[in-house]
Amino acid sequence: MLNSIDTYVEYGRSTAKARNQRGEARASFHKSWFSRAKALEQESDRQAVQQAFDDGYKDARSVIAVDRFA
């Protein structure tokens, strides 16, 4: 693996934080970096890399839940 798993988790968090702040250009930058780094990884490591990014993204993303039928 070229980069540590923590690097991919951090880029997931960075992407989510940018989207939370409505910074789509910044989110696009972080997502693009992740995609390029993932492409350089061995095929066997790509699933773990994607999971790490997704975990970081999920932990940092805040979405307002709307309960329409309450």
N, C-alpha and C. Protein backbone atom coordinates (compact mmCIF):
# COMPACT_ATOMS: atom_id res chain seq x y z
N MET A 1 0.86 -1.17 0.00
CA MET A 1 0.00 0.00 0.00
C MET A 1 0.90 1.23 0.00
N LEU A 2 0.64 2.16 -0.89
CA LEU A 2 1.46 3.36 -1.02
C LEU A 2 1.25 4.35 0.12
N ASN A 3 0.02 4.60 0.48
CA ASN A 3 -0.33 5.53 1.55
C ASN A 3 -0.93 4.74 2.71
N SER A 4 -0.87 5.31 3.88
CA SER A 4 -1.47 4.64 5.04
C SER A 4 -2.99 4.75 4.97
N ILE A 5 -3.66 3.85 5.64
CA ILE A 5 -5.12 3.87 5.70
C ILE A 5 -5.61 5.18 6.30
N ASP A 6 -4.87 5.69 7.28
CA ASP A 6 -5.26 6.96 7.92
C ASP A 6 -5.31 8.11 6.93
N THR A 7 -4.47 8.07 5.92
CA THR A 7 -4.48 9.11 4.89
C THR A 7 -5.81 9.11 4.15
N TYR A 8 -6.31 7.93 3.82
CA TYR A 8 -7.57 7.83 3.09
C TYR A 8 -8.76 8.21 3.97
N VAL A 9 -8.69 7.85 5.24
CA VAL A 9 -9.74 8.26 6.18
C VAL A 9 -9.77 9.78 6.28
N GLU A 10 -8.60 10.40 6.37
CA GLU A 10 -8.52 11.86 6.48
C GLU A 10 -9.05 12.54 5.22
N TYR A 11 -8.78 12.00 4.06
CA TYR A 11 -9.33 12.61 2.85
C TYR A 11 -10.83 12.42 2.75
N GLY A 12 -11.36 11.34 3.29
CA GLY A 12 -12.81 11.19 3.39
C GLY A 12 -13.40 12.25 4.29
N ARG A 13 -12.75 12.47 5.44
CA ARG A 13 -13.21 13.52 6.37
C ARG A 13 -13.13 14.90 5.73
N SER A 14 -12.03 15.16 5.03
CA SER A 14 -11.85 16.47 4.39
C SER A 14 -12.91 16.72 3.34
N THR A 15 -13.25 15.70 2.58
CA THR A 15 -14.29 15.83 1.57
C THR A 15 -15.63 16.13 2.22
N ALA A 16 -15.95 15.41 3.28
CA ALA A 16 -17.22 15.62 3.98
C ALA A 16 -17.28 17.00 4.63
N LYS A 17 -16.20 17.43 5.26
CA LYS A 17 -16.18 18.75 5.90
C LYS A 17 -16.38 19.85 4.86
N ALA A 18 -15.77 19.70 3.70
CA ALA A 18 -15.94 20.69 2.64
C ALA A 18 -17.40 20.74 2.19
N ARG A 19 -18.02 19.58 2.05
CA ARG A 19 -19.43 19.56 1.64
C ARG A 19 -20.33 20.12 2.73
N ASN A 20 -19.99 19.87 4.00
CA ASN A 20 -20.76 20.45 5.10
C ASN A 20 -20.74 21.97 5.05
N GLN A 21 -19.62 22.52 4.58
CA GLN A 21 -19.46 23.97 4.50
C GLN A 21 -19.85 24.50 3.12
N ARG A 22 -20.46 23.65 2.31
CA ARG A 22 -20.89 23.97 0.95
C ARG A 22 -19.73 24.43 0.06
N GLY A 23 -18.56 23.86 0.30
CA GLY A 23 -17.37 24.15 -0.49
C GLY A 23 -17.17 23.06 -1.52
N GLU A 24 -17.98 23.08 -2.55
CA GLU A 24 -17.96 21.98 -3.53
C GLU A 24 -16.64 21.92 -4.29
N ALA A 25 -16.02 23.06 -4.57
CA ALA A 25 -14.72 23.04 -5.27
C ALA A 25 -13.66 22.34 -4.41
N ARG A 26 -13.65 22.64 -3.13
CA ARG A 26 -12.71 22.01 -2.21
C ARG A 26 -13.02 20.52 -2.06
N ALA A 27 -14.30 20.17 -1.98
CA ALA A 27 -14.69 18.76 -1.88
C ALA A 27 -14.26 18.02 -3.14
N SER A 28 -14.43 18.65 -4.28
CA SER A 28 -14.02 18.05 -5.55
C SER A 28 -12.51 17.81 -5.59
N PHE A 29 -11.75 18.77 -5.07
CA PHE A 29 -10.30 18.62 -5.00
C PHE A 29 -9.92 17.39 -4.17
N HIS A 30 -10.49 17.26 -2.98
CA HIS A 30 -10.17 16.13 -2.10
C HIS A 30 -10.61 14.80 -2.71
N LYS A 31 -11.77 14.77 -3.31
CA LYS A 31 -12.27 13.55 -3.95
C LYS A 31 -11.39 13.16 -5.13
N SER A 32 -10.95 14.17 -5.90
CA SER A 32 -10.07 13.92 -7.04
C SER A 32 -8.73 13.35 -6.57
N TRP A 33 -8.18 13.93 -5.51
CA TRP A 33 -6.93 13.41 -4.97
C TRP A 33 -7.10 11.96 -4.56
N PHE A 34 -8.19 11.67 -3.88
CA PHE A 34 -8.46 10.30 -3.45
C PHE A 34 -8.55 9.35 -4.65
N SER A 35 -9.27 9.76 -5.68
CA SER A 35 -9.45 8.90 -6.85
C SER A 35 -8.12 8.59 -7.53
N ARG A 36 -7.26 9.60 -7.64
CA ARG A 36 -5.95 9.39 -8.25
C ARG A 36 -5.07 8.50 -7.39
N ALA A 37 -5.10 8.70 -6.08
CA ALA A 37 -4.30 7.87 -5.17
C ALA A 37 -4.81 6.43 -5.18
N LYS A 38 -6.11 6.25 -5.22
CA LYS A 38 -6.69 4.90 -5.25
C LYS A 38 -6.28 4.17 -6.52
N ALA A 39 -6.22 4.89 -7.64
CA ALA A 39 -5.84 4.26 -8.91
C ALA A 39 -4.39 3.76 -8.88
N LEU A 40 -3.55 4.37 -8.06
CA LEU A 40 -2.15 3.95 -7.96
C LEU A 40 -1.96 2.74 -7.05
N GLU A 41 -2.96 2.42 -6.26
CA GLU A 41 -2.85 1.30 -5.32
C GLU A 41 -2.98 -0.04 -6.07
N GLN A 42 -2.47 -1.07 -5.43
CA GLN A 42 -2.62 -2.42 -5.96
C GLN A 42 -4.11 -2.77 -6.00
N GLU A 43 -4.48 -3.59 -6.93
CA GLU A 43 -5.89 -4.00 -7.06
C GLU A 43 -6.40 -4.61 -5.76
N SER A 44 -5.56 -5.37 -5.09
CA SER A 44 -5.98 -6.04 -3.85
C SER A 44 -6.23 -5.06 -2.70
N ASP A 45 -5.66 -3.86 -2.77
CA ASP A 45 -5.81 -2.87 -1.69
C ASP A 45 -6.95 -1.88 -1.93
N ARG A 46 -7.47 -1.83 -3.12
CA ARG A 46 -8.44 -0.79 -3.47
C ARG A 46 -9.73 -0.86 -2.67
N GLN A 47 -10.19 -2.04 -2.36
CA GLN A 47 -11.42 -2.17 -1.58
C GLN A 47 -11.23 -1.61 -0.17
N ALA A 48 -10.10 -1.91 0.45
CA ALA A 48 -9.81 -1.39 1.79
C ALA A 48 -9.66 0.12 1.77
N VAL A 49 -9.05 0.63 0.71
CA VAL A 49 -8.87 2.08 0.56
C VAL A 49 -10.22 2.77 0.42
N GLN A 50 -11.10 2.21 -0.40
CA GLN A 50 -12.44 2.79 -0.58
C GLN A 50 -13.22 2.75 0.72
N GLN A 51 -13.12 1.65 1.45
CA GLN A 51 -13.82 1.53 2.73
C GLN A 51 -13.32 2.57 3.73
N ALA A 52 -12.01 2.80 3.76
CA ALA A 52 -11.44 3.80 4.67
C ALA A 52 -11.95 5.19 4.32
N PHE A 53 -11.97 5.52 3.04
CA PHE A 53 -12.48 6.83 2.61
C PHE A 53 -13.95 6.98 2.99
N ASP A 54 -14.74 5.95 2.71
CA ASP A 54 -16.17 5.99 3.02
C ASP A 54 -16.42 6.13 4.52
N ASP A 55 -15.63 5.45 5.34
CA ASP A 55 -15.79 5.55 6.80
C ASP A 55 -15.49 6.97 7.27
N GLY A 56 -14.41 7.55 6.78
CA GLY A 56 -14.07 8.92 7.15
C GLY A 56 -15.13 9.90 6.69
N TYR A 57 -15.65 9.68 5.50
CA TYR A 57 -16.69 10.56 4.95
C TYR A 57 -17.96 10.48 5.79
N LYS A 58 -18.37 9.24 6.09
CA LYS A 58 -19.60 9.02 6.86
C LYS A 58 -19.51 9.63 8.26
N ASP A 59 -18.35 9.51 8.88
CA ASP A 59 -18.17 10.03 10.24
C ASP A 59 -18.24 11.56 10.29
N ALA A 60 -17.78 12.22 9.24
CA ALA A 60 -17.70 13.69 9.27
C ALA A 60 -18.86 14.39 8.58
N ARG A 61 -19.64 13.67 7.80
CA ARG A 61 -20.72 14.32 7.04
C ARG A 61 -21.91 14.55 7.94
N SER A 62 -22.43 15.75 7.92
CA SER A 62 -23.64 16.05 8.70
C SER A 62 -24.74 16.46 7.73
N VAL A 63 -25.79 15.68 7.75
CA VAL A 63 -26.94 15.92 6.89
C VAL A 63 -28.14 16.09 7.79
N ILE A 64 -28.88 17.14 7.55
CA ILE A 64 -30.08 17.39 8.35
C ILE A 64 -31.17 16.43 7.89
N ALA A 65 -31.67 15.64 8.82
CA ALA A 65 -32.74 14.70 8.51
C ALA A 65 -34.08 15.42 8.65
N VAL A 66 -34.88 15.32 7.62
CA VAL A 66 -36.20 15.95 7.63
C VAL A 66 -37.24 14.87 7.78
N ASP A 67 -38.05 14.98 8.82
CA ASP A 67 -39.13 14.02 9.04
C ASP A 67 -40.42 14.67 8.56
N ARG A 68 -40.82 14.38 7.35
CA ARG A 68 -41.94 15.05 6.71
C ARG A 68 -43.31 14.62 7.24
N PHE A 69 -43.39 13.46 7.82
CA PHE A 69 -44.69 12.93 8.22
C PHE A 69 -44.84 12.86 9.74
N ALA A 70 -44.18 13.73 10.43
CA ALA A 70 -44.27 13.70 11.90
C ALA A 70 -45.44 14.52 12.39
